[in-house]
Amino acid sequence: MGVSTKLQGCNWKKIIRTQHCPYIGKKCLKTRKSNPEVSIGTCTVEYGSDKKNVIICPHRLLERKQIFIDCLHLLQLHTPGNELHVVPEVSIPGGSVDYFLVSTDSNRKVVDFVGIELQTLDTTGSVWPERQMLLQELKVLLHKNVLFLYKAKCFPPLV
Protein backbone atom coordinates (compact mmCIF):
# COMPACT_ATOMS: atom_id res chain seq x y z
CA MET A 1 0.00 0.00 0.00
CA GLY A 2 2.98 2.29 -0.59
CA VAL A 3 4.20 2.10 3.02
CA SER A 4 7.46 0.50 4.06
CA THR A 5 7.06 -2.36 6.51
CA LYS A 6 10.20 -0.96 8.16
CA LEU A 7 8.50 2.29 9.19
CA GLN A 8 7.76 2.62 12.89
CA GLY A 9 4.56 4.08 14.31
CA CYS A 10 2.32 3.38 11.32
CA ASN A 11 -1.40 2.93 11.82
CA TRP A 12 -1.41 -0.48 10.12
CA LYS A 13 -5.08 -1.15 10.86
CA LYS A 14 -6.05 2.00 8.96
CA ILE A 15 -3.60 1.28 6.13
CA ILE A 16 -4.99 -2.23 5.73
CA ARG A 17 -8.62 -1.17 6.10
CA THR A 18 -8.43 1.56 3.43
CA GLN A 19 -6.21 -0.46 1.05
CA HIS A 20 -5.23 2.85 -0.59
CA CYS A 21 -2.59 2.89 -3.32
CA PRO A 22 -0.74 6.24 -3.44
CA TYR A 23 0.36 5.62 -7.03
CA ILE A 24 -3.12 5.40 -8.54
CA GLY A 25 -4.89 7.48 -5.89
CA LYS A 26 -7.52 4.87 -5.00
CA LYS A 27 -7.95 1.35 -3.64
CA CYS A 28 -5.15 -1.00 -4.67
CA LEU A 29 -6.24 -2.95 -7.74
CA LYS A 30 -4.01 -5.97 -7.07
CA THR A 31 -6.36 -8.52 -5.54
CA ARG A 32 -6.52 -12.27 -5.06
CA LYS A 33 -8.75 -14.11 -7.48
CA SER A 34 -10.02 -16.24 -4.59
CA ASN A 35 -10.76 -13.18 -2.43
CA PRO A 36 -11.20 -10.12 -4.71
CA GLU A 37 -12.28 -7.72 -1.95
CA VAL A 38 -8.81 -8.01 -0.38
CA SER A 39 -6.05 -5.94 -1.95
CA ILE A 40 -2.64 -7.55 -1.81
CA GLY A 41 -0.90 -4.20 -1.52
CA THR A 42 2.59 -5.31 -2.52
CA CYS A 43 4.38 -3.00 -4.91
CA THR A 44 8.07 -3.58 -4.14
CA VAL A 45 9.91 -6.53 -2.60
CA GLU A 46 13.45 -7.03 -1.40
CA TYR A 47 15.25 -9.75 -3.26
CA GLY A 48 18.55 -11.57 -2.99
CA SER A 49 21.33 -11.60 -0.45
CA ASP A 50 22.03 -7.92 -1.15
CA LYS A 51 18.31 -7.11 -0.61
CA LYS A 52 17.74 -5.11 -3.78
CA ASN A 53 14.34 -3.52 -4.29
CA VAL A 54 12.36 -5.09 -7.13
CA ILE A 55 9.14 -3.47 -8.37
CA ILE A 56 6.41 -6.07 -8.81
CA CYS A 57 3.39 -3.81 -9.44
CA PRO A 58 3.18 -1.68 -12.59
CA HIS A 59 1.28 1.05 -10.72
CA ARG A 60 4.45 1.68 -8.72
CA LEU A 61 5.96 3.00 -11.96
CA LEU A 62 3.44 5.87 -11.98
CA GLU A 63 5.14 7.69 -9.09
CA ARG A 64 5.41 11.42 -9.86
CA LYS A 65 4.36 10.54 -13.44
CA GLN A 66 8.07 10.21 -14.18
CA ILE A 67 7.44 7.40 -16.66
CA PHE A 68 5.66 9.84 -18.98
CA ILE A 69 8.40 12.45 -18.71
CA ASP A 70 10.93 9.74 -19.56
CA CYS A 71 8.96 8.99 -22.76
CA LEU A 72 8.87 12.59 -24.03
CA HIS A 73 11.84 12.03 -26.31
CA LEU A 74 9.81 9.40 -28.18
CA LEU A 75 7.43 12.12 -29.40
CA GLN A 76 9.48 13.18 -32.41
CA LEU A 77 6.89 15.67 -33.71
CA HIS A 78 6.21 17.32 -30.35
CA THR A 79 7.22 20.98 -30.17
CA PRO A 80 7.27 23.47 -27.28
CA GLY A 81 3.79 24.88 -26.80
CA ASN A 82 2.01 21.66 -27.72
CA GLU A 83 -0.22 20.17 -25.05
CA LEU A 84 0.57 16.79 -23.54
CA HIS A 85 -2.13 14.32 -22.59
CA VAL A 86 -1.95 10.94 -20.86
CA VAL A 87 -4.71 8.61 -22.04
CA PRO A 88 -5.10 5.41 -19.98
CA GLU A 89 -6.29 1.95 -21.05
CA VAL A 90 -6.97 2.26 -24.77
CA SER A 91 -8.62 -0.76 -26.39
CA ILE A 92 -7.09 -1.94 -29.63
CA PRO A 93 -7.67 -5.11 -31.67
CA GLY A 94 -6.23 -7.97 -29.65
CA GLY A 95 -6.13 -6.22 -26.28
CA SER A 96 -5.37 -2.82 -24.85
CA VAL A 97 -2.50 -0.40 -24.34
CA ASP A 98 -1.86 0.78 -20.78
CA TYR A 99 -1.26 4.43 -21.70
CA PHE A 100 -0.78 6.74 -24.63
CA LEU A 101 1.26 9.91 -24.26
CA VAL A 102 -0.23 12.30 -26.80
CA SER A 103 1.06 15.63 -28.13
CA THR A 104 -1.62 17.96 -29.52
CA ASP A 105 -1.47 21.37 -31.14
CA SER A 106 -3.40 24.44 -29.93
CA ASN A 107 -6.55 23.08 -31.64
CA ARG A 108 -6.14 19.77 -29.78
CA LYS A 109 -5.35 17.97 -33.02
CA VAL A 110 -3.04 15.00 -32.43
CA VAL A 111 0.47 15.78 -33.62
CA ASP A 112 2.24 12.70 -32.27
CA PHE A 113 1.68 9.89 -29.80
CA VAL A 114 3.44 6.95 -28.20
CA GLY A 115 1.93 3.84 -26.63
CA ILE A 116 3.30 2.90 -23.22
CA GLU A 117 3.03 -0.59 -21.76
CA LEU A 118 4.06 -1.04 -18.14
CA GLN A 119 5.77 -4.34 -17.32
CA THR A 120 6.96 -5.51 -13.94
CA LEU A 121 7.65 -8.83 -12.31
CA ASP A 122 4.28 -10.06 -11.05
CA THR A 123 4.46 -12.22 -7.95
CA THR A 124 1.17 -11.38 -6.26
CA GLY A 125 0.36 -15.01 -5.47
CA SER A 126 3.78 -15.90 -4.13
CA VAL A 127 3.92 -13.00 -1.64
CA TRP A 128 0.64 -13.95 0.06
CA PRO A 129 2.09 -16.27 2.78
CA GLU A 130 4.73 -13.68 3.72
CA ARG A 131 2.05 -10.97 3.77
CA GLN A 132 -0.05 -13.02 6.17
CA MET A 133 2.92 -13.68 8.49
CA LEU A 134 3.67 -9.97 8.69
CA LEU A 135 0.08 -9.25 9.65
CA GLN A 136 0.35 -11.78 12.43
CA GLU A 137 3.54 -10.09 13.64
CA LEU A 138 1.81 -6.68 13.50
CA LYS A 139 -1.28 -8.12 15.22
CA VAL A 140 -3.49 -6.66 12.49
CA LEU A 141 -6.66 -8.74 12.39
CA LEU A 142 -9.74 -7.49 10.55
CA HIS A 143 -13.01 -8.96 9.27
CA LYS A 144 -13.34 -12.30 11.07
CA ASN A 145 -9.57 -12.74 11.40
CA VAL A 146 -8.91 -12.28 7.68
CA LEU A 147 -5.49 -10.69 7.47
CA PHE A 148 -4.63 -7.85 5.12
CA LEU A 149 -1.19 -6.61 4.05
CA TYR A 150 2.07 -8.17 2.99
CA LYS A 151 5.44 -9.21 4.30
CA ALA A 152 7.23 -8.14 1.13
CA LYS A 153 8.87 -4.77 1.57
CA CYS A 154 6.83 -1.95 0.05
CA PHE A 155 8.68 1.34 0.09
CA PRO A 156 7.35 4.90 0.25
CA PRO A 157 7.75 7.26 -2.71
CA LEU A 158 11.30 8.29 -3.52
CA VAL A 159 12.00 11.98 -3.04
C-alpha atoms as a PDB file:
ATOM      1  CA  MET A   1       0.000   0.000   0.000  1.00  0.00           C
ATOM      2  CA  GLY A   2       2.980   2.287  -0.587  1.00  0.00           C
ATOM      3  CA  VAL A   3       4.198   2.101   3.020  1.00  0.00           C
ATOM      4  CA  SER A   4       7.463   0.500   4.055  1.00  0.00           C
ATOM      5  CA  THR A   5       7.063  -2.355   6.505  1.00  0.00           C
ATOM      6  CA  LYS A   6      10.198  -0.963   8.157  1.00  0.00           C
ATOM      7  CA  LEU A   7       8.496   2.291   9.185  1.00  0.00           C
ATOM      8  CA  GLN A   8       7.756   2.619  12.891  1.00  0.00           C
ATOM      9  CA  GLY A   9       4.563   4.078  14.314  1.00  0.00           C
ATOM     10  CA  CYS A  10       2.318   3.376  11.317  1.00  0.00           C
ATOM     11  CA  ASN A  11      -1.402   2.925  11.818  1.00  0.00           C
ATOM     12  CA  TRP A  12      -1.413  -0.475  10.123  1.00  0.00           C
ATOM     13  CA  LYS A  13      -5.079  -1.152  10.856  1.00  0.00           C
ATOM     14  CA  LYS A  14      -6.055   1.997   8.958  1.00  0.00           C
ATOM     15  CA  ILE A  15      -3.596   1.276   6.133  1.00  0.00           C
ATOM     16  CA  ILE A  16      -4.988  -2.228   5.731  1.00  0.00           C
ATOM     17  CA  ARG A  17      -8.624  -1.170   6.102  1.00  0.00           C
ATOM     18  CA  THR A  18      -8.431   1.564   3.435  1.00  0.00           C
ATOM     19  CA  GLN A  19      -6.209  -0.455   1.050  1.00  0.00           C
ATOM     20  CA  HIS A  20      -5.234   2.851  -0.586  1.00  0.00           C
ATOM     21  CA  CYS A  21      -2.586   2.887  -3.323  1.00  0.00           C
ATOM     22  CA  PRO A  22      -0.737   6.236  -3.436  1.00  0.00           C
ATOM     23  CA  TYR A  23       0.362   5.617  -7.026  1.00  0.00           C
ATOM     24  CA  ILE A  24      -3.124   5.400  -8.543  1.00  0.00           C
ATOM     25  CA  GLY A  25      -4.894   7.479  -5.888  1.00  0.00           C
ATOM     26  CA  LYS A  26      -7.519   4.872  -5.002  1.00  0.00           C
ATOM     27  CA  LYS A  27      -7.953   1.346  -3.641  1.00  0.00           C
ATOM     28  CA  CYS A  28      -5.150  -1.001  -4.670  1.00  0.00           C
ATOM     29  CA  LEU A  29      -6.244  -2.955  -7.742  1.00  0.00           C
ATOM     30  CA  LYS A  30      -4.009  -5.971  -7.071  1.00  0.00           C
ATOM     31  CA  THR A  31      -6.362  -8.524  -5.536  1.00  0.00           C
ATOM     32  CA  ARG A  32      -6.516 -12.267  -5.061  1.00  0.00           C
ATOM     33  CA  LYS A  33      -8.751 -14.114  -7.484  1.00  0.00           C
ATOM     34  CA  SER A  34     -10.016 -16.241  -4.594  1.00  0.00           C
ATOM     35  CA  ASN A  35     -10.757 -13.176  -2.432  1.00  0.00           C
ATOM     36  CA  PRO A  36     -11.196 -10.116  -4.708  1.00  0.00           C
ATOM     37  CA  GLU A  37     -12.278  -7.723  -1.950  1.00  0.00           C
ATOM     38  CA  VAL A  38      -8.811  -8.015  -0.382  1.00  0.00           C
ATOM     39  CA  SER A  39      -6.052  -5.938  -1.948  1.00  0.00           C
ATOM     40  CA  ILE A  40      -2.636  -7.551  -1.810  1.00  0.00           C
ATOM     41  CA  GLY A  41      -0.896  -4.197  -1.520  1.00  0.00           C
ATOM     42  CA  THR A  42       2.588  -5.306  -2.515  1.00  0.00           C
ATOM     43  CA  CYS A  43       4.385  -3.004  -4.905  1.00  0.00           C
ATOM     44  CA  THR A  44       8.070  -3.578  -4.138  1.00  0.00           C
ATOM     45  CA  VAL A  45       9.913  -6.527  -2.601  1.00  0.00           C
ATOM     46  CA  GLU A  46      13.452  -7.025  -1.396  1.00  0.00           C
ATOM     47  CA  TYR A  47      15.246  -9.754  -3.263  1.00  0.00           C
ATOM     48  CA  GLY A  48      18.552 -11.572  -2.988  1.00  0.00           C
ATOM     49  CA  SER A  49      21.334 -11.598  -0.454  1.00  0.00           C
ATOM     50  CA  ASP A  50      22.033  -7.918  -1.154  1.00  0.00           C
ATOM     51  CA  LYS A  51      18.313  -7.108  -0.614  1.00  0.00           C
ATOM     52  CA  LYS A  52      17.740  -5.108  -3.778  1.00  0.00           C
ATOM     53  CA  ASN A  53      14.343  -3.521  -4.287  1.00  0.00           C
ATOM     54  CA  VAL A  54      12.363  -5.090  -7.130  1.00  0.00           C
ATOM     55  CA  ILE A  55       9.144  -3.471  -8.374  1.00  0.00           C
ATOM     56  CA  ILE A  56       6.406  -6.075  -8.811  1.00  0.00           C
ATOM     57  CA  CYS A  57       3.395  -3.809  -9.442  1.00  0.00           C
ATOM     58  CA  PRO A  58       3.180  -1.679 -12.593  1.00  0.00           C
ATOM     59  CA  HIS A  59       1.275   1.049 -10.725  1.00  0.00           C
ATOM     60  CA  ARG A  60       4.449   1.682  -8.717  1.00  0.00           C
ATOM     61  CA  LEU A  61       5.958   3.001 -11.959  1.00  0.00           C
ATOM     62  CA  LEU A  62       3.440   5.874 -11.977  1.00  0.00           C
ATOM     63  CA  GLU A  63       5.145   7.688  -9.092  1.00  0.00           C
ATOM     64  CA  ARG A  64       5.412  11.422  -9.864  1.00  0.00           C
ATOM     65  CA  LYS A  65       4.358  10.537 -13.439  1.00  0.00           C
ATOM     66  CA  GLN A  66       8.070  10.209 -14.183  1.00  0.00           C
ATOM     67  CA  ILE A  67       7.442   7.397 -16.662  1.00  0.00           C
ATOM     68  CA  PHE A  68       5.663   9.844 -18.977  1.00  0.00           C
ATOM     69  CA  ILE A  69       8.404  12.449 -18.705  1.00  0.00           C
ATOM     70  CA  ASP A  70      10.931   9.745 -19.558  1.00  0.00           C
ATOM     71  CA  CYS A  71       8.958   8.988 -22.762  1.00  0.00           C
ATOM     72  CA  LEU A  72       8.870  12.591 -24.031  1.00  0.00           C
ATOM     73  CA  HIS A  73      11.840  12.025 -26.308  1.00  0.00           C
ATOM     74  CA  LEU A  74       9.813   9.397 -28.177  1.00  0.00           C
ATOM     75  CA  LEU A  75       7.430  12.120 -29.399  1.00  0.00           C
ATOM     76  CA  GLN A  76       9.482  13.180 -32.406  1.00  0.00           C
ATOM     77  CA  LEU A  77       6.891  15.674 -33.712  1.00  0.00           C
ATOM     78  CA  HIS A  78       6.206  17.325 -30.347  1.00  0.00           C
ATOM     79  CA  THR A  79       7.219  20.975 -30.170  1.00  0.00           C
ATOM     80  CA  PRO A  80       7.266  23.470 -27.282  1.00  0.00           C
ATOM     81  CA  GLY A  81       3.789  24.884 -26.796  1.00  0.00           C
ATOM     82  CA  ASN A  82       2.007  21.659 -27.724  1.00  0.00           C
ATOM     83  CA  GLU A  83      -0.218  20.167 -25.047  1.00  0.00           C
ATOM     84  CA  LEU A  84       0.574  16.789 -23.536  1.00  0.00           C
ATOM     85  CA  HIS A  85      -2.134  14.315 -22.590  1.00  0.00           C
ATOM     86  CA  VAL A  86      -1.951  10.943 -20.857  1.00  0.00           C
ATOM     87  CA  VAL A  87      -4.715   8.614 -22.042  1.00  0.00           C
ATOM     88  CA  PRO A  88      -5.103   5.410 -19.983  1.00  0.00           C
ATOM     89  CA  GLU A  89      -6.294   1.945 -21.054  1.00  0.00           C
ATOM     90  CA  VAL A  90      -6.968   2.264 -24.766  1.00  0.00           C
ATOM     91  CA  SER A  91      -8.619  -0.761 -26.387  1.00  0.00           C
ATOM     92  CA  ILE A  92      -7.087  -1.937 -29.628  1.00  0.00           C
ATOM     93  CA  PRO A  93      -7.668  -5.107 -31.666  1.00  0.00           C
ATOM     94  CA  GLY A  94      -6.229  -7.970 -29.651  1.00  0.00           C
ATOM     95  CA  GLY A  95      -6.130  -6.219 -26.275  1.00  0.00           C
ATOM     96  CA  SER A  96      -5.371  -2.824 -24.853  1.00  0.00           C
ATOM     97  CA  VAL A  97      -2.501  -0.397 -24.341  1.00  0.00           C
ATOM     98  CA  ASP A  98      -1.856   0.780 -20.777  1.00  0.00           C
ATOM     99  CA  TYR A  99      -1.257   4.430 -21.699  1.00  0.00           C
ATOM    100  CA  PHE A 100      -0.783   6.736 -24.631  1.00  0.00           C
ATOM    101  CA  LEU A 101       1.262   9.907 -24.264  1.00  0.00           C
ATOM    102  CA  VAL A 102      -0.233  12.303 -26.804  1.00  0.00           C
ATOM    103  CA  SER A 103       1.058  15.632 -28.128  1.00  0.00           C
ATOM    104  CA  THR A 104      -1.624  17.963 -29.515  1.00  0.00           C
ATOM    105  CA  ASP A 105      -1.470  21.370 -31.143  1.00  0.00           C
ATOM    106  CA  SER A 106      -3.405  24.435 -29.927  1.00  0.00           C
ATOM    107  CA  ASN A 107      -6.550  23.078 -31.638  1.00  0.00           C
ATOM    108  CA  ARG A 108      -6.138  19.770 -29.783  1.00  0.00           C
ATOM    109  CA  LYS A 109      -5.346  17.968 -33.016  1.00  0.00           C
ATOM    110  CA  VAL A 110      -3.041  15.000 -32.431  1.00  0.00           C
ATOM    111  CA  VAL A 111       0.472  15.783 -33.624  1.00  0.00           C
ATOM    112  CA  ASP A 112       2.237  12.698 -32.271  1.00  0.00           C
ATOM    113  CA  PHE A 113       1.676   9.890 -29.796  1.00  0.00           C
ATOM    114  CA  VAL A 114       3.437   6.954 -28.200  1.00  0.00           C
ATOM    115  CA  GLY A 115       1.927   3.844 -26.633  1.00  0.00           C
ATOM    116  CA  ILE A 116       3.302   2.899 -23.224  1.00  0.00           C
ATOM    117  CA  GLU A 117       3.033  -0.593 -21.756  1.00  0.00           C
ATOM    118  CA  LEU A 118       4.065  -1.036 -18.138  1.00  0.00           C
ATOM    119  CA  GLN A 119       5.769  -4.337 -17.322  1.00  0.00           C
ATOM    120  CA  THR A 120       6.964  -5.511 -13.938  1.00  0.00           C
ATOM    121  CA  LEU A 121       7.651  -8.829 -12.313  1.00  0.00           C
ATOM    122  CA  ASP A 122       4.282 -10.061 -11.048  1.00  0.00           C
ATOM    123  CA  THR A 123       4.456 -12.216  -7.954  1.00  0.00           C
ATOM    124  CA  THR A 124       1.169 -11.376  -6.259  1.00  0.00           C
ATOM    125  CA  GLY A 125       0.358 -15.005  -5.469  1.00  0.00           C
ATOM    126  CA  SER A 126       3.782 -15.899  -4.131  1.00  0.00           C
ATOM    127  CA  VAL A 127       3.920 -13.003  -1.639  1.00  0.00           C
ATOM    128  CA  TRP A 128       0.638 -13.949   0.060  1.00  0.00           C
ATOM    129  CA  PRO A 129       2.088 -16.272   2.777  1.00  0.00           C
ATOM    130  CA  GLU A 130       4.726 -13.684   3.720  1.00  0.00           C
ATOM    131  CA  ARG A 131       2.054 -10.971   3.773  1.00  0.00           C
ATOM    132  CA  GLN A 132      -0.045 -13.020   6.167  1.00  0.00           C
ATOM    133  CA  MET A 133       2.923 -13.685   8.493  1.00  0.00           C
ATOM    134  CA  LEU A 134       3.668  -9.969   8.685  1.00  0.00           C
ATOM    135  CA  LEU A 135       0.076  -9.253   9.648  1.00  0.00           C
ATOM    136  CA  GLN A 136       0.345 -11.780  12.430  1.00  0.00           C
ATOM    137  CA  GLU A 137       3.544 -10.094  13.643  1.00  0.00           C
ATOM    138  CA  LEU A 138       1.811  -6.682  13.504  1.00  0.00           C
ATOM    139  CA  LYS A 139      -1.283  -8.121  15.217  1.00  0.00           C
ATOM    140  CA  VAL A 140      -3.487  -6.663  12.488  1.00  0.00           C
ATOM    141  CA  LEU A 141      -6.662  -8.736  12.392  1.00  0.00           C
ATOM    142  CA  LEU A 142      -9.737  -7.493  10.550  1.00  0.00           C
ATOM    143  CA  HIS A 143     -13.008  -8.956   9.269  1.00  0.00           C
ATOM    144  CA  LYS A 144     -13.336 -12.297  11.066  1.00  0.00           C
ATOM    145  CA  ASN A 145      -9.573 -12.745  11.400  1.00  0.00           C
ATOM    146  CA  VAL A 146      -8.909 -12.280   7.685  1.00  0.00           C
ATOM    147  CA  LEU A 147      -5.489 -10.695   7.466  1.00  0.00           C
ATOM    148  CA  PHE A 148      -4.632  -7.849   5.117  1.00  0.00           C
ATOM    149  CA  LEU A 149      -1.193  -6.605   4.051  1.00  0.00           C
ATOM    150  CA  TYR A 150       2.068  -8.169   2.990  1.00  0.00           C
ATOM    151  CA  LYS A 151       5.441  -9.210   4.295  1.00  0.00           C
ATOM    152  CA  ALA A 152       7.230  -8.136   1.129  1.00  0.00           C
ATOM    153  CA  LYS A 153       8.866  -4.767   1.574  1.00  0.00           C
ATOM    154  CA  CYS A 154       6.830  -1.951   0.054  1.00  0.00           C
ATOM    155  CA  PHE A 155       8.677   1.340   0.086  1.00  0.00           C
ATOM    156  CA  PRO A 156       7.346   4.898   0.251  1.00  0.00           C
ATOM    157  CA  PRO A 157       7.752   7.264  -2.712  1.00  0.00           C
ATOM    158  CA  LEU A 158      11.297   8.292  -3.520  1.00  0.00           C
ATOM    159  CA  VAL A 159      12.003  11.985  -3.043  1.00  0.00           C
END
